[in-house]
Amino acid sequence: MNKSYYSLGLMSGTSMDGVDASIIHSDGTTKYEAISNKYFEYNKELYKDLTSIRDKIASSKDLKTLQNELKFIEKKITLFHAKAVDEIIRKSKTNIDFIGFHGQTIFHSAKEKISEQLGDGDLLSKHTKKTVIYNFRQNDLKNGGQGAPLTPIFHKLLKNKYKLKSPLTILNIGGVANVTFIDAHDNMSSSDIGPGNCLIDQWTRINSKNNYDKDGKIASLGKINKSILIQALKNFEHKVQDIHGPKSYDVKDFDLSFVRGLSLEDGAATLTEYTSEILCNLTQICTGEDEDIIISGGGRKNRFLVKNIQKKINSPVKLIDDLGVDGDFVESQAFAYLAIRSYLKLPISFPETTGVGEPCTGGTIVKNF
C-alpha cells in the first residue's frame, strides 16, 4: 500500500480576489479524500495592488522593468498566504506534510517559456515551518510544454473516485477556459480553449462599480450586437486555426476592444455570447453526442453564461457541484494533489495535456526552517 500524505493546496485565480485553501489526504495516485476547504478574501489594498500591477504588464520586458514593485507585492501576497495556512491548519487540526503553493499568475507566455507567479516559496516555508512545493509550471515549459493546463490528472482522479461514466468532458471556466477529455479507455487530453470569465470581468470592472457580472444579470439585460459578434468570432477563429495540439493562454491574449462604445449591458451581453460560442464550438469538436459535459471553475456561477452553453451544446451539461464535489475548491485541491505527485517525482503534465515531450514532474521543493 502506498503511503498517503496530508497536503495543503493554495490557489489564487485570475479574478485576483482571494485564496482558495484545501487540505486533502492522498497517496498521489488513486487514493484521495477532501479534509478541509476555506476561502480567504484579499483586502481592498492587496486586490488593488494585484490588479494594477497586472494591468501594467504588457510583455515579458515589463517583468524586469517592474521587478522592485513585483518583489514588494510578492512579499505581501506570500505573508497573506502564510496567515491563511496558519488558520486552516489550526481550525482543521490537521498536521500537514507539505504545501502546494501555486501563487498569483501575472504573466504567461508559452512561446517565451515564461509563466510568472507571484509567491515566495522560501518565505512561505520559513513562516509556516512547512515544506513548500511551488513553481509547478516551469519544468513543463522547459521541456517543450505549454505550462498549462495542469489540472487534468486531478480531473481524472475525480472521475474515477465518483465513478463517472466515460467518455467525459470537463469544461473548466476560470479567467481562461480549458477542457479535459477522458475517453472510454481512461486516456486524457486537454487544452486551453479560449476566454473564460476574463473579458466579462474586465468589461464589468471598467464600466461599473462591480468586479464581475454576478449571475450574468448585467448581460441578461443587454442586447447582443450581432454584426460585432460575427466579426469578432471570425477574428478569433483566424487567430487559432494554425495552432495544433494543446494550447495555453494568458488573460492578456484576449482583447475586448471590439465592444468599446456599447452600453454596459450590451457589451456584457455581446461578450457573454462571444465567450459561450467559442467554448461550445471548441468543446463540441471533441465531444460526442450524449457524452456528459461537466462545468467547473468560477464561470459555473454565471447562470446566464451557463444557460447559453446548455442551449448550444447537444450533450448533457452538469455543474461539478451536482456530483457532490465542492466546485469552489477543485483547483486548490488539485494543487494539493500535484504537490504530492511532485514530492514523489510522479508526472504532473503529459504530452496530451500540455504538449510536453514526455510525461514530466514539476515543482520546486523548499524546506526553509
Protein backbone atom coordinates (compact mmCIF):
# COMPACT_ATOMS: atom_id res chain seq x y z
CA MET A 1 0.00 0.00 0.00
CA ASN A 2 1.33 3.43 -0.98
CA LYS A 3 1.97 5.94 1.78
CA SER A 4 -0.58 8.76 1.99
CA TYR A 5 0.12 12.39 2.82
CA TYR A 6 -1.79 15.37 4.15
CA SER A 7 -1.25 18.17 1.66
CA LEU A 8 -2.48 21.76 1.67
CA GLY A 9 -3.15 23.35 -1.72
CA LEU A 10 -3.26 27.13 -2.21
CA MET A 11 -4.74 28.66 -5.35
CA SER A 12 -5.41 32.24 -6.37
CA GLY A 13 -7.06 32.59 -9.76
CA THR A 14 -7.16 35.32 -12.38
CA SER A 15 -10.03 37.09 -10.59
CA MET A 16 -7.37 38.05 -8.01
CA ASP A 17 -9.99 38.28 -5.27
CA GLY A 18 -8.52 35.87 -2.75
CA VAL A 19 -7.01 32.48 -1.95
CA ASP A 20 -8.70 29.08 -2.01
CA ALA A 21 -7.11 26.72 0.52
CA SER A 22 -7.72 22.97 0.68
CA ILE A 23 -6.32 20.11 2.71
CA ILE A 24 -6.52 16.65 1.17
CA HIS A 25 -5.31 13.18 2.17
CA SER A 26 -3.89 11.28 -0.79
CA ASP A 27 -1.21 8.89 -1.97
CA GLY A 28 -0.69 10.95 -5.13
CA THR A 29 -2.21 8.25 -7.32
CA THR A 30 -5.67 6.75 -6.74
CA LYS A 31 -6.45 7.49 -3.09
CA TYR A 32 -8.00 10.87 -2.29
CA GLU A 33 -10.08 12.41 0.48
CA ALA A 34 -11.00 16.08 0.93
CA ILE A 35 -10.36 17.13 4.54
CA SER A 36 -10.96 20.89 4.73
CA ASN A 37 -11.64 23.87 2.44
CA LYS A 38 -11.62 27.59 3.17
CA TYR A 39 -11.63 30.81 1.15
CA PHE A 40 -9.58 33.83 2.24
CA GLU A 41 -10.58 37.11 0.60
CA TYR A 42 -7.90 39.67 -0.22
CA ASN A 43 -8.33 43.06 1.39
CA LYS A 44 -9.03 46.01 -0.90
CA GLU A 45 -5.41 47.19 -0.82
CA LEU A 46 -3.96 43.85 -1.93
CA TYR A 47 -6.65 43.42 -4.59
CA LYS A 48 -5.84 46.87 -5.95
CA ASP A 49 -2.08 46.15 -5.88
CA LEU A 50 -2.52 42.94 -7.84
CA THR A 51 -4.96 44.18 -10.46
CA SER A 52 -2.99 47.38 -11.07
CA ILE A 53 0.36 45.57 -11.47
CA ARG A 54 -1.25 43.08 -13.85
CA ASP A 55 -2.60 45.94 -15.95
CA LYS A 56 0.92 47.42 -16.19
CA ILE A 57 2.43 44.21 -17.60
CA ALA A 58 2.02 44.09 -21.37
CA SER A 59 5.07 41.94 -22.18
CA SER A 60 7.85 39.94 -20.53
CA LYS A 61 10.06 43.05 -20.64
CA ASP A 62 7.79 44.66 -18.06
CA LEU A 63 8.66 41.90 -15.59
CA LYS A 64 12.20 43.34 -15.42
CA THR A 65 11.13 46.98 -15.52
CA LEU A 66 8.71 46.46 -12.63
CA GLN A 67 10.81 43.96 -10.65
CA ASN A 68 11.06 46.11 -7.49
CA GLU A 69 7.32 46.67 -7.35
CA LEU A 70 6.72 42.99 -8.07
CA LYS A 71 9.04 41.93 -5.23
CA PHE A 72 7.17 44.20 -2.81
CA ILE A 73 3.77 42.79 -3.80
CA GLU A 74 5.14 39.23 -3.81
CA LYS A 75 6.15 39.59 -0.16
CA LYS A 76 2.70 40.92 0.76
CA ILE A 77 0.91 38.10 -1.04
CA THR A 78 3.20 35.45 0.48
CA LEU A 79 2.56 36.72 4.01
CA PHE A 80 -1.17 36.69 3.28
CA HIS A 81 -0.88 33.04 2.22
CA ALA A 82 1.09 32.27 5.40
CA LYS A 83 -1.76 33.58 7.56
CA ALA A 84 -4.24 31.52 5.54
CA VAL A 85 -2.11 28.41 6.10
CA ASP A 86 -1.95 29.00 9.85
CA GLU A 87 -5.72 29.47 10.10
CA ILE A 88 -6.84 26.46 8.08
CA ILE A 89 -4.35 24.17 9.85
CA ARG A 90 -5.46 25.45 13.25
CA LYS A 91 -9.17 25.08 12.52
CA SER A 92 -8.89 21.68 10.84
CA LYS A 93 -6.44 20.39 13.47
CA THR A 94 -4.52 18.62 10.72
CA ASN A 95 -0.77 18.09 10.76
CA ILE A 96 0.07 18.59 7.09
CA ASP A 97 3.14 17.16 5.35
CA PHE A 98 3.58 19.92 2.79
CA ILE A 99 2.03 22.88 0.99
CA GLY A 100 1.29 23.12 -2.73
CA PHE A 101 1.69 26.85 -3.41
CA HIS A 102 0.54 27.97 -6.85
CA GLY A 103 0.95 31.72 -6.34
CA GLN A 104 -0.68 34.52 -8.32
CA THR A 105 -0.17 34.37 -12.09
CA ILE A 106 0.61 37.79 -13.55
CA PHE A 107 2.10 36.78 -16.91
CA HIS A 108 2.10 33.62 -19.03
CA SER A 109 3.73 33.08 -22.42
CA ALA A 110 4.45 29.52 -23.51
CA LYS A 111 6.16 30.88 -26.62
CA GLU A 112 8.76 32.63 -24.43
CA LYS A 113 8.78 29.74 -21.92
CA ILE A 114 7.71 32.16 -19.16
CA SER A 115 5.00 31.68 -16.57
CA GLU A 116 5.32 34.21 -13.77
CA GLN A 117 3.54 33.59 -10.47
CA LEU A 118 3.94 35.92 -7.52
CA GLY A 119 4.76 33.84 -4.45
CA ASP A 120 7.97 33.27 -2.49
CA GLY A 121 8.19 29.59 -1.58
CA ASP A 122 11.21 30.10 0.70
CA LEU A 123 9.44 32.83 2.67
CA LEU A 124 6.24 30.79 2.96
CA SER A 125 8.22 27.79 4.23
CA LYS A 126 10.01 29.98 6.77
CA HIS A 127 6.78 31.46 8.18
CA THR A 128 4.72 28.26 8.19
CA LYS A 129 7.55 25.89 9.13
CA LYS A 130 6.32 23.50 6.45
CA THR A 131 7.86 22.03 3.30
CA VAL A 132 6.58 24.06 0.34
CA ILE A 133 6.28 22.93 -3.27
CA TYR A 134 5.83 25.69 -5.85
CA ASN A 135 6.91 26.71 -9.41
CA PHE A 136 4.71 23.97 -10.85
CA ARG A 137 4.76 25.18 -14.47
CA GLN A 138 8.44 25.84 -15.17
CA ASN A 139 9.61 22.27 -15.76
CA ASP A 140 6.86 21.67 -18.28
CA LEU A 141 7.76 24.86 -20.17
CA LYS A 142 11.44 23.94 -20.12
CA ASN A 143 10.63 20.59 -21.72
CA GLY A 144 8.57 21.99 -24.57
CA GLY A 145 5.14 22.10 -22.94
CA GLN A 146 2.64 24.93 -22.68
CA GLY A 147 2.86 25.09 -18.87
CA ALA A 148 -0.92 24.69 -18.68
CA PRO A 149 -3.39 23.23 -18.00
CA LEU A 150 -2.08 21.18 -15.08
CA THR A 151 -5.37 20.03 -13.51
CA PRO A 152 -6.30 17.18 -15.94
CA ILE A 153 -4.58 14.48 -13.86
CA PHE A 154 -6.73 15.60 -10.90
CA HIS A 155 -9.84 15.67 -13.10
CA LYS A 156 -9.10 12.04 -13.94
CA LEU A 157 -8.83 11.24 -10.22
CA LEU A 158 -12.24 12.87 -9.58
CA LYS A 159 -13.77 10.98 -12.50
CA ASN A 160 -12.63 7.65 -11.06
CA LYS A 161 -13.45 8.49 -7.44
CA TYR A 162 -17.02 9.49 -8.26
CA LYS A 163 -17.38 6.65 -10.79
CA LEU A 164 -18.38 8.95 -13.66
CA LYS A 165 -19.06 7.26 -16.95
CA SER A 166 -16.63 7.53 -19.87
CA PRO A 167 -16.15 9.27 -22.17
CA LEU A 168 -16.31 12.50 -20.17
CA THR A 169 -15.58 16.17 -20.84
CA ILE A 170 -14.76 18.66 -18.09
CA LEU A 171 -15.06 22.31 -19.14
CA ASN A 172 -13.23 24.46 -16.61
CA ILE A 173 -14.22 28.13 -16.85
CA GLY A 174 -11.73 30.27 -14.95
CA GLY A 175 -10.33 33.55 -16.23
CA VAL A 176 -9.16 31.41 -19.14
CA ALA A 177 -11.20 28.33 -20.08
CA ASN A 178 -9.71 24.89 -20.58
CA VAL A 179 -11.16 21.50 -21.34
CA THR A 180 -10.20 17.98 -20.27
CA PHE A 181 -11.34 14.97 -22.32
CA ILE A 182 -11.26 11.48 -20.79
CA ASP A 183 -12.05 8.73 -23.29
CA ALA A 184 -13.60 5.30 -22.81
CA HIS A 185 -10.14 3.83 -22.13
CA ASP A 186 -9.35 6.44 -19.43
CA ASN A 187 -6.88 8.29 -21.67
CA MET A 188 -6.91 12.04 -21.12
CA SER A 189 -6.17 15.06 -23.27
CA SER A 190 -6.61 18.76 -22.60
CA SER A 191 -6.00 22.31 -23.76
CA ASP A 192 -6.83 25.89 -23.01
CA ILE A 193 -9.56 26.82 -25.49
CA GLY A 194 -10.37 30.49 -25.06
CA PRO A 195 -11.55 33.23 -22.73
CA GLY A 196 -13.48 32.20 -19.65
CA ASN A 197 -14.52 34.96 -17.26
CA CYS A 198 -11.72 37.37 -18.12
CA LEU A 199 -13.38 39.56 -20.77
CA ILE A 200 -16.74 39.74 -18.97
CA ASP A 201 -14.98 40.58 -15.68
CA GLN A 202 -12.75 43.20 -17.29
CA TRP A 203 -15.68 44.88 -19.05
CA THR A 204 -17.68 44.94 -15.81
CA ARG A 205 -14.78 46.41 -13.81
CA ILE A 206 -14.14 49.16 -16.38
CA ASN A 207 -17.76 50.18 -16.84
CA SER A 208 -19.32 49.71 -13.40
CA LYS A 209 -18.50 49.60 -9.70
CA ASN A 210 -18.66 45.80 -9.72
CA ASN A 211 -15.71 43.42 -10.10
CA TYR A 212 -17.73 40.86 -12.07
CA ASP A 213 -21.18 40.26 -13.54
CA LYS A 214 -22.87 38.32 -10.73
CA ASP A 215 -25.08 35.54 -12.13
CA GLY A 216 -24.80 37.26 -15.53
CA LYS A 217 -27.51 39.71 -14.50
CA ILE A 218 -25.96 42.64 -16.39
CA ALA A 219 -25.59 40.60 -19.58
CA SER A 220 -29.17 39.34 -19.29
CA LEU A 221 -30.40 42.95 -19.53
CA GLY A 222 -28.42 43.71 -22.69
CA LYS A 223 -28.81 43.14 -26.40
CA ILE A 224 -26.20 41.27 -28.44
CA ASN A 225 -24.59 43.30 -31.21
CA LYS A 226 -24.63 40.56 -33.85
CA SER A 227 -22.50 42.27 -36.50
CA ILE A 228 -19.71 42.96 -34.00
CA LEU A 229 -20.04 39.43 -32.60
CA ILE A 230 -19.77 37.71 -36.00
CA GLN A 231 -16.61 39.63 -36.92
CA ALA A 232 -15.01 39.03 -33.51
CA LEU A 233 -15.65 35.28 -33.79
CA LYS A 234 -14.12 35.22 -37.28
CA ASN A 235 -11.05 37.03 -35.94
CA PHE A 236 -10.67 34.51 -33.11
CA GLU A 237 -11.06 31.56 -35.48
CA HIS A 238 -8.39 33.01 -37.77
CA LYS A 239 -6.08 33.52 -34.78
CA VAL A 240 -6.22 29.90 -33.61
CA GLN A 241 -6.68 27.93 -36.85
CA ASP A 242 -2.96 27.31 -37.38
CA ILE A 243 -2.26 26.24 -33.79
CA HIS A 244 -2.20 22.45 -33.42
CA GLY A 245 -2.05 20.39 -30.24
CA PRO A 246 -2.52 21.66 -26.67
CA LYS A 247 -2.56 25.44 -26.24
CA SER A 248 -2.21 27.77 -23.27
CA TYR A 249 -3.41 31.33 -22.93
CA ASP A 250 -2.87 34.31 -20.69
CA VAL A 251 -5.80 36.65 -19.97
CA LYS A 252 -3.81 39.28 -21.91
CA ASP A 253 -4.24 37.19 -25.07
CA PHE A 254 -7.86 38.33 -25.27
CA ASP A 255 -8.99 41.83 -26.16
CA LEU A 256 -12.36 43.46 -25.54
CA SER A 257 -11.79 46.48 -27.80
CA PHE A 258 -14.41 45.19 -30.24
CA VAL A 259 -17.23 46.04 -27.79
CA ARG A 260 -16.00 49.53 -26.89
CA GLY A 261 -18.73 52.08 -27.45
CA LEU A 262 -21.51 49.71 -26.41
CA SER A 263 -23.54 50.23 -23.25
CA LEU A 264 -22.59 48.30 -20.11
CA GLU A 265 -25.44 45.83 -20.65
CA ASP A 266 -24.99 45.38 -24.42
CA GLY A 267 -21.23 44.95 -24.04
CA ALA A 268 -21.72 42.31 -21.33
CA ALA A 269 -24.35 40.50 -23.43
CA THR A 270 -22.12 40.50 -26.53
CA LEU A 271 -19.05 39.33 -24.58
CA THR A 272 -21.04 36.58 -22.87
CA GLU A 273 -22.32 35.35 -26.24
CA TYR A 274 -18.79 35.59 -27.69
CA THR A 275 -17.37 33.55 -24.81
CA SER A 276 -20.09 30.89 -24.92
CA GLU A 277 -19.79 30.49 -28.71
CA ILE A 278 -16.03 29.89 -28.51
CA LEU A 279 -16.31 27.47 -25.60
CA CYS A 280 -19.15 25.49 -27.15
CA ASN A 281 -17.61 25.27 -30.61
CA LEU A 282 -14.23 24.07 -29.36
CA THR A 283 -15.71 21.74 -26.73
CA GLN A 284 -18.05 20.03 -29.20
CA ILE A 285 -15.27 19.33 -31.72
CA CYS A 286 -14.02 16.51 -29.48
CA THR A 287 -17.25 15.64 -27.67
CA GLY A 288 -19.69 13.05 -28.99
CA GLU A 289 -23.46 13.30 -28.64
CA ASP A 290 -24.82 12.14 -25.26
CA GLU A 291 -21.32 12.43 -23.78
CA ASP A 292 -21.51 14.10 -20.37
CA ILE A 293 -20.02 17.57 -20.03
CA ILE A 294 -19.18 18.82 -16.54
CA ILE A 295 -18.65 22.55 -15.96
CA SER A 296 -16.22 23.60 -13.23
CA GLY A 297 -14.46 26.84 -12.29
CA GLY A 298 -15.80 30.22 -11.22
CA GLY A 299 -17.66 30.65 -14.51
CA ARG A 300 -20.13 27.96 -13.47
CA LYS A 301 -21.64 30.58 -11.11
CA ASN A 302 -22.54 32.84 -14.04
CA ARG A 303 -26.03 31.43 -14.59
CA PHE A 304 -26.59 33.39 -17.78
CA LEU A 305 -23.35 32.08 -19.31
CA VAL A 306 -24.12 28.50 -18.26
CA LYS A 307 -27.65 28.69 -19.72
CA ASN A 308 -26.18 29.91 -23.01
CA ILE A 309 -23.77 26.96 -23.04
CA GLN A 310 -26.52 24.48 -22.20
CA LYS A 311 -28.65 25.77 -25.08
CA LYS A 312 -25.84 25.42 -27.62
CA ILE A 313 -24.42 22.01 -26.69
CA ASN A 314 -26.06 18.76 -27.82
CA SER A 315 -24.82 16.79 -24.81
CA PRO A 316 -25.96 16.64 -21.17
CA VAL A 317 -24.36 19.56 -19.28
CA LYS A 318 -23.99 19.44 -15.49
CA LEU A 319 -22.20 21.50 -12.87
CA ILE A 320 -19.40 19.77 -10.97
CA ASP A 321 -21.26 20.55 -7.73
CA ASP A 322 -24.04 18.20 -8.90
CA LEU A 323 -21.60 15.31 -8.37
CA GLY A 324 -21.03 16.15 -4.71
CA VAL A 325 -17.76 17.98 -5.41
CA ASP A 326 -17.32 21.46 -3.92
CA GLY A 327 -16.76 23.36 -7.15
CA ASP A 328 -15.14 26.33 -5.42
CA PHE A 329 -12.13 24.26 -4.39
CA VAL A 330 -11.33 21.97 -7.31
CA GLU A 331 -8.15 23.85 -8.26
CA SER A 332 -6.84 24.27 -4.70
CA GLN A 333 -7.38 20.54 -4.13
CA ALA A 334 -5.70 19.88 -7.47
CA PHE A 335 -2.55 21.72 -6.38
CA ALA A 336 -2.53 19.84 -3.09
CA TYR A 337 -2.60 16.66 -5.19
CA LEU A 338 0.04 17.94 -7.63
CA ALA A 339 2.28 18.78 -4.65
CA ILE A 340 2.17 15.15 -3.55
CA ARG A 341 2.94 13.94 -7.07
CA SER A 342 5.80 16.45 -7.33
CA TYR A 343 7.21 15.28 -3.99
CA LEU A 344 7.05 11.66 -5.23
CA LYS A 345 8.54 12.70 -8.61
CA LEU A 346 5.44 11.48 -10.42
CA PRO A 347 4.40 13.24 -13.65
CA ILE A 348 2.02 16.19 -13.41
CA SER A 349 1.93 17.05 -17.12
CA PHE A 350 1.72 14.90 -20.21
CA PRO A 351 2.15 15.19 -24.00
CA GLU A 352 -1.63 15.02 -24.44
CA THR A 353 -2.35 17.72 -21.83
CA THR A 354 0.35 20.38 -22.33
CA GLY A 355 2.28 19.22 -25.40
CA VAL A 356 5.38 18.44 -23.32
CA GLY A 357 7.80 15.99 -24.97
CA GLU A 358 7.21 13.24 -22.41
CA PRO A 359 5.40 12.92 -19.06
CA CYS A 360 7.23 15.10 -16.56
CA THR A 361 7.05 16.04 -12.94
CA GLY A 362 7.36 19.62 -11.73
CA GLY A 363 7.51 21.85 -8.71
CA THR A 364 10.39 23.22 -6.68
CA ILE A 365 10.62 21.72 -3.18
CA VAL A 366 11.86 24.00 -0.38
CA LYS A 367 12.29 23.47 3.35
CA ASN A 368 13.36 26.72 4.97
CA PHE A 369 13.01 26.11 8.72
